[in-house]
Amino acid sequence: MLDTKRLIRWTSMCAAIASLGIGSPAAMATRAEAAESATSAAPLRDVLLVGNSAAGTVSFLDGHTFQNLGSIDVIPDLQARLDAMNLVEKTAYDIVGQQEGGDRFVDDLFVSPDGRTLYVSRGALNDAVAIDIASKNQLWRFKLDGFKADHAALSPDGTRLVVSATTAMAAQVLDTSTGLLVGNFATGTYPHQNDYSADGRRIYNSSIGVVSLPRALDALKGEKRLTVVDAKTLKVLRTYQFPRGIRPSVITADEKTMYTQLSYLNGFVEFDLVAGQITRTVAMPFSAHGGALTPDEYPLNSAHHGLAISGDATKLCDVGTIDDYTAIVRRPALTTDGFVHYPTDSLPYWATTSVDGNHCFVSLSKANAISVIDYRTATEVARVPVGAFPQRERIGKLPSTVLSALSPTPG
């Protein structure tokens, strides 16, 4: 008989992104010094941060006009990291480079509340870093356990960064001022997305299972679990088991309802967090391209990958990854208002809601662009070029002094 745990460990080492061996030098300037050198009254500008995964850059778009304001390189130390890899790490790194989109350097990203520090989980390099945006100096680097750094979450007060250590089956929590480990908490198999509750008191972590195994071996993919922990103590409060890997999700402000996409599902489900059960499954239509694929051809098991909720919580933005469309879905009825269609194989892959709550930003990974959709009309109002293979997007604020230091390149 197959030893499931051994199979998961072996698959993790062979298919996951490589980790690196050494820490980075101390930052040349602390964030306190950076703040002292800037004007304390500098106005902050709403921006959308776009992680260009293959390019290893972050693009910054104006949060209201959607203009690309420039970018920053977040892997200037790439050669040093590659040189430090041992044979196992280099082999895993090379394997991952063969996946769709090539190398994955930027997995997730956030900016500090004062808009001066960028935090990035660097998937292929298995670390998290803090970068002073104006000076481009790396303030700290933390190497995660296992072989892959994945989704992250920044606490509302900006003091903690949670990063999924995918193959270590844990989430690691860092002090954003020092980059030191605050603690860990156990997760399901291959932890993925992290989210803080609206009040910042809880962390929600979801796991996807071993995505390199075929659907026929789904039972061996491990535990697909939503884990809820106390954000202060990191103690597990409760868990929920799911039948498939938990893909992008959103949780209502009252923490009673979760909408989530699942591995292989062409659509999403509504999950009652009080009763602990799926209450509705919304099947979305296949496109000609999506319908022609077998489940094992879905990118990392995802049929739909990208889900956001409007500011007034009346609309969902459902990203049809294999179908090359985005659907705006009305809640609570869960009826479709309309579709925005993209050229075949654009690979729409993530969704984030604008600061005003009226627009949904969708990353088109293979088109190297961001699609901006109006929730109210279910129409695309802009498409903005960025860097190579954009994935995660996050909203934030930057002072004008920091914006002026960005590279003029779009990403």
Protein backbone atom coordinates (compact mmCIF):
# COMPACT_ATOMS: atom_id res chain seq x y z
CA MET A 1 0.00 0.00 0.00
CA LEU A 2 1.04 3.60 -0.59
CA ASP A 3 2.38 5.53 2.38
CA THR A 4 0.46 8.81 2.00
CA LYS A 5 2.70 10.93 4.24
CA ARG A 6 5.84 9.71 2.50
CA LEU A 7 4.28 10.34 -0.91
CA ILE A 8 3.36 13.89 0.11
CA ARG A 9 6.87 14.58 1.39
CA TRP A 10 8.43 13.20 -1.79
CA THR A 11 6.09 15.17 -4.04
CA SER A 12 6.75 18.28 -2.00
CA MET A 13 10.51 18.03 -2.45
CA CYS A 14 10.35 17.24 -6.15
CA ALA A 15 7.61 19.64 -7.21
CA ALA A 16 7.79 22.54 -4.76
CA ILE A 17 9.78 25.67 -5.14
CA ALA A 18 13.29 25.62 -3.73
CA SER A 19 14.41 27.17 -0.48
CA LEU A 20 17.69 29.00 0.04
CA GLY A 21 20.36 28.54 2.64
CA ILE A 22 21.66 31.81 4.02
CA GLY A 23 20.29 34.98 5.52
CA SER A 24 20.78 38.46 4.10
CA PRO A 25 22.95 41.24 5.60
CA ALA A 26 21.43 43.74 8.02
CA ALA A 27 19.61 46.63 6.42
CA MET A 28 21.62 49.81 5.93
CA ALA A 29 18.87 51.97 7.37
CA THR A 30 16.02 51.25 9.74
CA ARG A 31 12.47 52.18 8.99
CA ALA A 32 12.64 54.75 11.78
CA GLU A 33 15.55 56.48 10.03
CA ALA A 34 13.67 56.39 6.75
CA ALA A 35 10.65 58.00 8.38
CA GLU A 36 12.81 60.75 9.90
CA SER A 37 14.26 61.61 6.50
CA ALA A 38 10.81 62.05 4.95
CA THR A 39 8.22 64.71 5.47
CA SER A 40 5.85 63.43 8.14
CA ALA A 41 2.89 65.23 6.58
CA ALA A 42 3.40 63.75 3.10
CA PRO A 43 0.00 62.86 1.61
CA LEU A 44 -0.68 59.22 0.82
CA ARG A 45 -1.93 58.13 -2.60
CA ASP A 46 -4.18 55.09 -3.11
CA VAL A 47 -2.41 52.45 -5.21
CA LEU A 48 -2.85 48.91 -6.47
CA LEU A 49 0.22 46.72 -6.00
CA VAL A 50 0.68 44.08 -8.70
CA GLY A 51 3.11 41.21 -8.21
CA ASN A 52 4.68 40.30 -11.55
CA SER A 53 5.63 36.75 -10.68
CA ALA A 54 7.93 35.84 -13.56
CA ALA A 55 9.50 39.29 -13.86
CA GLY A 56 10.31 39.55 -10.16
CA THR A 57 8.91 43.07 -10.04
CA VAL A 58 6.03 44.94 -8.44
CA SER A 59 3.97 47.44 -10.44
CA PHE A 60 2.07 50.29 -8.81
CA LEU A 61 -1.20 51.50 -10.36
CA ASP A 62 -3.11 54.59 -9.29
CA GLY A 63 -6.04 53.39 -7.19
CA HIS A 64 -8.54 55.64 -8.96
CA THR A 65 -7.28 56.46 -12.47
CA PHE A 66 -5.60 53.01 -12.87
CA GLN A 67 -2.53 54.64 -14.47
CA ASN A 68 0.66 52.58 -14.15
CA LEU A 69 2.90 54.73 -11.94
CA GLY A 70 6.05 52.61 -12.20
CA SER A 71 7.65 49.54 -10.66
CA ILE A 72 10.35 48.16 -8.39
CA ASP A 73 12.66 45.15 -8.75
CA VAL A 74 12.23 42.83 -5.76
CA ILE A 75 14.85 40.22 -6.70
CA PRO A 76 18.07 42.27 -7.05
CA ASP A 77 19.74 39.53 -4.97
CA LEU A 78 18.63 36.72 -7.29
CA GLN A 79 22.11 35.60 -8.32
CA ALA A 80 23.27 35.51 -4.71
CA ARG A 81 20.27 33.38 -3.79
CA LEU A 82 20.91 30.98 -6.70
CA ASP A 83 24.59 30.71 -5.81
CA ALA A 84 23.65 29.73 -2.26
CA MET A 85 21.41 26.82 -3.28
CA ASN A 86 22.45 23.26 -2.58
CA LEU A 87 21.82 20.49 -5.11
CA VAL A 88 18.36 19.56 -3.78
CA GLU A 89 17.25 23.19 -3.73
CA LYS A 90 18.57 23.84 -7.22
CA THR A 91 16.85 20.73 -8.58
CA ALA A 92 13.51 21.77 -7.09
CA TYR A 93 14.00 25.32 -8.39
CA ASP A 94 14.61 24.01 -11.92
CA ILE A 95 11.54 21.77 -11.78
CA VAL A 96 9.30 24.65 -10.78
CA GLY A 97 10.73 26.79 -13.56
CA GLN A 98 9.12 24.38 -16.04
CA GLN A 99 5.57 25.16 -14.85
CA GLU A 100 3.20 27.47 -16.65
CA GLY A 101 4.54 31.00 -16.44
CA GLY A 102 8.10 29.89 -15.67
CA ASP A 103 9.84 31.11 -12.53
CA ARG A 104 7.57 32.38 -9.76
CA PHE A 105 9.40 35.06 -7.81
CA VAL A 106 6.60 37.26 -6.45
CA ASP A 107 3.89 35.25 -4.74
CA ASP A 108 2.28 37.82 -2.46
CA LEU A 109 2.89 41.42 -1.49
CA PHE A 110 1.81 44.16 0.89
CA VAL A 111 2.85 47.69 1.75
CA SER A 112 3.21 49.02 5.29
CA PRO A 113 0.55 51.45 6.62
CA ASP A 114 2.95 54.38 6.18
CA GLY A 115 3.53 53.37 2.55
CA ARG A 116 7.31 53.14 2.82
CA THR A 117 8.03 49.42 3.19
CA LEU A 118 7.14 46.64 0.77
CA TYR A 119 6.75 43.09 2.06
CA VAL A 120 7.05 40.27 -0.49
CA SER A 121 6.78 36.52 -0.18
CA ARG A 122 9.10 35.23 -2.90
CA GLY A 123 7.80 31.82 -3.92
CA ALA A 124 10.71 30.45 -5.94
CA LEU A 125 13.23 31.70 -3.39
CA ASN A 126 11.24 30.39 -0.40
CA ASP A 127 11.59 33.56 1.63
CA ALA A 128 9.92 36.77 2.71
CA VAL A 129 11.65 40.12 2.46
CA ALA A 130 11.05 43.72 3.50
CA ILE A 131 12.23 46.41 1.08
CA ASP A 132 12.49 50.14 1.64
CA ILE A 133 10.75 51.35 -1.52
CA ALA A 134 12.50 54.72 -1.77
CA SER A 135 16.07 53.49 -1.26
CA LYS A 136 15.53 49.95 -2.67
CA ASN A 137 17.42 48.57 0.35
CA GLN A 138 16.44 45.14 1.66
CA LEU A 139 15.64 45.67 5.34
CA TRP A 140 15.40 41.99 6.26
CA ARG A 141 15.02 38.53 4.80
CA PHE A 142 13.42 35.48 6.40
CA LYS A 143 13.87 31.98 4.97
CA LEU A 144 10.76 29.87 5.43
CA ASP A 145 10.61 26.21 6.41
CA GLY A 146 10.10 23.68 3.64
CA PHE A 147 10.42 24.43 -0.07
CA LYS A 148 7.94 27.15 -1.00
CA ALA A 149 6.77 30.54 0.25
CA ASP A 150 3.14 31.12 -0.68
CA HIS A 151 0.24 33.47 0.09
CA ALA A 152 0.65 36.04 2.84
CA ALA A 153 -1.45 38.42 4.94
CA LEU A 154 -0.53 41.66 6.70
CA SER A 155 -2.21 42.43 10.02
CA PRO A 156 -4.43 45.53 10.00
CA ASP A 157 -1.96 47.38 12.22
CA GLY A 158 0.96 46.37 9.99
CA THR A 159 2.97 44.70 12.74
CA ARG A 160 2.74 41.05 11.63
CA LEU A 161 3.11 39.23 8.32
CA VAL A 162 1.67 35.72 7.95
CA VAL A 163 3.19 33.55 5.21
CA SER A 164 2.24 30.00 4.23
CA ALA A 165 5.21 27.63 4.26
CA THR A 166 3.56 25.32 1.78
CA THR A 167 5.49 22.07 2.00
CA ALA A 168 6.12 22.48 5.76
CA MET A 169 2.32 22.41 6.23
CA ALA A 170 2.43 25.44 8.52
CA ALA A 171 1.94 29.18 8.47
CA GLN A 172 4.76 31.30 9.85
CA VAL A 173 4.17 34.69 11.46
CA LEU A 174 6.83 37.38 11.28
CA ASP A 175 7.44 40.65 13.12
CA THR A 176 7.44 43.22 10.32
CA SER A 177 9.85 45.54 12.13
CA THR A 178 12.60 42.92 12.45
CA GLY A 179 11.72 40.00 10.18
CA LEU A 180 12.02 37.66 13.15
CA LEU A 181 9.70 34.72 13.68
CA VAL A 182 6.85 35.36 16.11
CA GLY A 183 5.45 31.85 15.86
CA ASN A 184 3.89 29.12 13.72
CA PHE A 185 0.57 27.36 13.51
CA ALA A 186 -0.28 24.02 11.92
CA THR A 187 -2.43 23.93 8.79
CA GLY A 188 -3.86 21.45 6.35
CA THR A 189 -1.78 19.99 3.52
CA TYR A 190 -0.17 22.69 1.37
CA PRO A 191 -1.40 25.84 3.14
CA HIS A 192 -2.29 28.54 0.65
CA GLN A 193 -4.37 31.68 1.28
CA ASN A 194 -4.22 33.69 4.51
CA ASP A 195 -6.69 36.37 5.59
CA TYR A 196 -7.20 38.46 8.71
CA SER A 197 -10.75 38.96 9.95
CA ALA A 198 -12.16 42.48 9.56
CA ASP A 199 -11.42 43.23 13.23
CA GLY A 200 -7.92 41.71 13.03
CA ARG A 201 -8.58 39.20 15.81
CA ARG A 202 -8.51 36.00 13.74
CA ILE A 203 -6.49 34.55 10.87
CA TYR A 204 -8.10 32.27 8.29
CA ASN A 205 -5.76 29.87 6.51
CA SER A 206 -6.86 27.51 3.74
CA SER A 207 -5.04 24.51 2.29
CA ILE A 208 -5.15 23.12 -1.25
CA GLY A 209 -3.63 19.64 -0.95
CA VAL A 210 -0.80 18.29 -3.11
CA VAL A 211 -1.57 19.86 -6.48
CA SER A 212 1.02 17.81 -8.39
CA LEU A 213 -0.98 14.60 -7.93
CA PRO A 214 -3.69 13.81 -10.51
CA ARG A 215 -7.37 14.09 -9.64
CA ALA A 216 -7.66 10.29 -9.58
CA LEU A 217 -5.43 10.35 -6.49
CA ASP A 218 -7.36 13.13 -4.76
CA ALA A 219 -7.67 11.05 -1.60
CA LEU A 220 -3.87 11.11 -1.33
CA LYS A 221 -3.56 14.88 -1.73
CA GLY A 222 -3.86 15.34 2.02
CA GLU A 223 -6.12 17.41 4.24
CA LYS A 224 -8.06 20.26 2.58
CA ARG A 225 -8.80 22.39 5.59
CA LEU A 226 -9.79 25.88 6.64
CA THR A 227 -7.96 26.70 9.86
CA VAL A 228 -9.05 29.60 12.09
CA VAL A 229 -6.55 30.85 14.66
CA ASP A 230 -6.36 33.54 17.30
CA ALA A 231 -4.26 36.27 15.69
CA LYS A 232 -2.58 37.17 18.98
CA THR A 233 -1.82 33.76 20.51
CA LEU A 234 -1.74 31.75 17.23
CA LYS A 235 -3.80 29.04 18.88
CA VAL A 236 -6.17 27.12 16.61
CA LEU A 237 -9.78 28.06 17.39
CA ARG A 238 -11.59 25.77 14.95
CA THR A 239 -11.17 23.93 11.66
CA TYR A 240 -13.42 23.06 8.74
CA GLN A 241 -12.87 20.17 6.34
CA PHE A 242 -13.53 20.59 2.61
CA PRO A 243 -13.98 17.94 -0.10
CA ARG A 244 -11.52 19.64 -2.47
CA GLY A 245 -8.61 22.03 -2.24
CA ILE A 246 -9.67 25.51 -1.08
CA ARG A 247 -8.83 28.08 -3.72
CA PRO A 248 -9.35 31.89 -3.53
CA SER A 249 -12.07 32.87 -1.09
CA VAL A 250 -13.77 35.83 0.56
CA ILE A 251 -15.37 36.01 4.00
CA THR A 252 -18.17 38.41 4.87
CA ALA A 253 -17.46 41.04 7.53
CA ASP A 254 -19.68 39.27 10.06
CA GLU A 255 -17.67 36.06 9.52
CA LYS A 256 -20.81 34.03 8.97
CA THR A 257 -20.42 33.27 5.27
CA MET A 258 -17.50 32.29 3.09
CA TYR A 259 -17.50 32.15 -0.70
CA THR A 260 -14.74 30.01 -2.11
CA GLN A 261 -13.56 28.36 -5.28
CA LEU A 262 -12.51 24.72 -5.02
CA SER A 263 -10.04 22.61 -6.97
CA TYR A 264 -11.56 21.38 -10.25
CA LEU A 265 -14.85 23.29 -9.73
CA ASN A 266 -15.93 25.54 -12.59
CA GLY A 267 -17.54 28.05 -10.25
CA PHE A 268 -17.63 28.50 -6.48
CA VAL A 269 -19.50 27.51 -3.32
CA GLU A 270 -21.21 29.33 -0.48
CA PHE A 271 -20.10 28.01 2.91
CA ASP A 272 -21.89 28.62 6.22
CA LEU A 273 -19.17 29.27 8.81
CA VAL A 274 -21.64 28.90 11.66
CA ALA A 275 -23.07 25.53 10.60
CA GLY A 276 -19.81 24.42 9.01
CA GLN A 277 -21.27 23.25 5.71
CA ILE A 278 -21.61 24.12 2.03
CA THR A 279 -25.04 25.67 1.48
CA ARG A 280 -24.93 26.38 -2.26
CA THR A 281 -22.77 25.40 -5.23
CA VAL A 282 -22.69 27.80 -8.16
CA ALA A 283 -21.71 26.10 -11.42
CA MET A 284 -20.52 28.57 -14.03
CA PRO A 285 -20.52 27.93 -17.80
CA PHE A 286 -17.51 26.46 -19.57
CA SER A 287 -15.98 28.34 -22.46
CA ALA A 288 -14.94 26.38 -25.54
CA HIS A 289 -11.34 26.51 -24.32
CA GLY A 290 -12.16 25.48 -20.75
CA GLY A 291 -14.51 22.72 -21.79
CA ALA A 292 -11.84 21.16 -24.00
CA LEU A 293 -9.44 20.67 -21.08
CA THR A 294 -9.27 17.61 -18.87
CA PRO A 295 -9.21 18.28 -15.09
CA ASP A 296 -5.57 17.27 -14.94
CA GLU A 297 -4.81 20.04 -17.46
CA TYR A 298 -6.22 22.75 -15.19
CA PRO A 299 -3.44 25.06 -13.92
CA LEU A 300 -2.50 23.68 -10.49
CA ASN A 301 -5.95 22.03 -10.25
CA SER A 302 -7.75 25.39 -10.61
CA ALA A 303 -10.73 25.80 -12.92
CA HIS A 304 -11.67 29.17 -11.43
CA HIS A 305 -8.99 31.04 -9.47
CA GLY A 306 -9.77 34.53 -8.25
CA LEU A 307 -12.65 35.80 -6.13
CA ALA A 308 -13.44 39.24 -4.69
CA ILE A 309 -16.42 41.00 -3.12
CA SER A 310 -17.57 44.56 -3.79
CA GLY A 311 -17.30 47.26 -1.17
CA ASP A 312 -21.03 47.14 -0.42
CA ALA A 313 -20.91 43.31 -0.35
CA THR A 314 -23.68 43.01 -2.99
CA LYS A 315 -21.53 41.61 -5.81
CA LEU A 316 -18.92 38.88 -6.25
CA CYS A 317 -16.17 38.95 -8.86
CA ASP A 318 -15.60 35.36 -10.04
CA VAL A 319 -12.51 34.79 -12.20
CA GLY A 320 -12.90 31.99 -14.75
CA THR A 321 -9.27 30.96 -15.16
CA ILE A 322 -9.70 28.18 -17.73
CA ASP A 323 -12.68 29.96 -19.30
CA ASP A 324 -10.98 33.32 -20.01
CA TYR A 325 -13.71 35.43 -18.46
CA THR A 326 -14.71 37.25 -15.30
CA ALA A 327 -18.30 37.04 -14.07
CA ILE A 328 -19.99 39.59 -11.82
CA VAL A 329 -22.42 37.71 -9.57
CA ARG A 330 -25.15 39.34 -7.49
CA ARG A 331 -25.64 38.28 -3.88
CA PRO A 332 -27.51 37.00 -2.00
CA ALA A 333 -29.34 35.53 -5.01
CA LEU A 334 -26.05 34.44 -6.66
CA THR A 335 -27.32 35.31 -10.13
CA THR A 336 -24.94 36.48 -12.85
CA ASP A 337 -25.12 40.15 -13.90
CA GLY A 338 -22.69 39.77 -16.79
CA PHE A 339 -19.39 38.51 -18.17
CA VAL A 340 -16.18 40.15 -19.33
CA HIS A 341 -14.49 37.92 -21.90
CA TYR A 342 -10.75 37.84 -22.69
CA PRO A 343 -8.70 36.41 -25.58
CA THR A 344 -8.23 32.64 -25.35
CA ASP A 345 -5.59 31.49 -22.87
CA SER A 346 -5.17 34.88 -21.15
CA LEU A 347 -5.15 32.97 -17.83
CA PRO A 348 -7.09 35.35 -15.56
CA TYR A 349 -5.77 34.36 -12.14
CA TRP A 350 -6.60 36.67 -9.22
CA ALA A 351 -9.12 39.33 -8.16
CA THR A 352 -8.94 42.29 -5.77
CA THR A 353 -11.49 45.03 -5.05
CA SER A 354 -10.55 48.69 -5.44
CA VAL A 355 -10.27 51.02 -2.46
CA ASP A 356 -13.61 52.67 -3.33
CA GLY A 357 -15.25 49.24 -3.55
CA ASN A 358 -16.63 49.86 -7.05
CA HIS A 359 -14.13 48.01 -9.24
CA CYS A 360 -12.65 44.54 -9.46
CA PHE A 361 -9.02 44.21 -10.56
CA VAL A 362 -8.27 40.94 -12.38
CA SER A 363 -4.75 39.81 -13.26
CA LEU A 364 -4.38 38.40 -16.79
CA SER A 365 -1.24 36.37 -16.22
CA LYS A 366 -0.47 35.40 -19.81
CA ALA A 367 -1.54 38.78 -21.21
CA ASN A 368 0.72 40.70 -18.78
CA ALA A 369 -2.11 43.06 -17.92
CA ILE A 370 -4.67 44.03 -15.30
CA SER A 371 -8.35 44.10 -16.26
CA VAL A 372 -10.45 46.68 -14.41
CA ILE A 373 -14.15 45.78 -14.14
CA ASP A 374 -16.99 47.99 -12.89
CA TYR A 375 -19.09 46.01 -10.40
CA ARG A 376 -22.15 48.13 -11.16
CA THR A 377 -22.21 47.57 -14.93
CA ALA A 378 -20.26 44.27 -15.20
CA THR A 379 -18.11 45.85 -17.92
CA GLU A 380 -14.38 46.30 -18.37
CA VAL A 381 -13.43 49.96 -18.04
CA ALA A 382 -9.65 49.66 -18.44
CA ARG A 383 -6.87 47.22 -19.25
CA VAL A 384 -3.44 48.20 -17.96
CA PRO A 385 -0.10 46.69 -19.10
CA VAL A 386 2.17 45.51 -16.28
CA GLY A 387 5.11 43.09 -16.01
CA ALA A 388 5.52 39.42 -16.89
CA PHE A 389 2.95 37.02 -15.42
CA PRO A 390 1.04 39.19 -12.92
CA GLN A 391 -0.68 37.24 -10.18
CA ARG A 392 -1.45 38.62 -6.72
CA GLU A 393 -2.76 42.19 -6.36
CA ARG A 394 -3.21 44.16 -3.14
CA ILE A 395 -4.36 47.69 -2.37
CA GLY A 396 -2.29 50.13 -0.32
CA LYS A 397 -1.15 53.73 0.02
CA LEU A 398 2.16 55.37 -0.90
CA PRO A 399 3.49 58.88 -0.17
CA SER A 400 4.51 61.02 -3.14
CA THR A 401 8.15 60.92 -2.03
CA VAL A 402 8.15 57.15 -2.44
CA LEU A 403 6.27 57.19 -5.75
CA SER A 404 8.90 59.47 -7.26
CA ALA A 405 11.56 56.81 -6.56
CA LEU A 406 9.85 54.12 -8.66
CA SER A 407 11.32 52.92 -11.95
CA PRO A 408 9.36 54.36 -14.90
CA THR A 409 9.04 50.89 -16.44
CA PRO A 410 5.53 49.36 -16.12
CA GLY A 411 6.94 46.20 -14.59
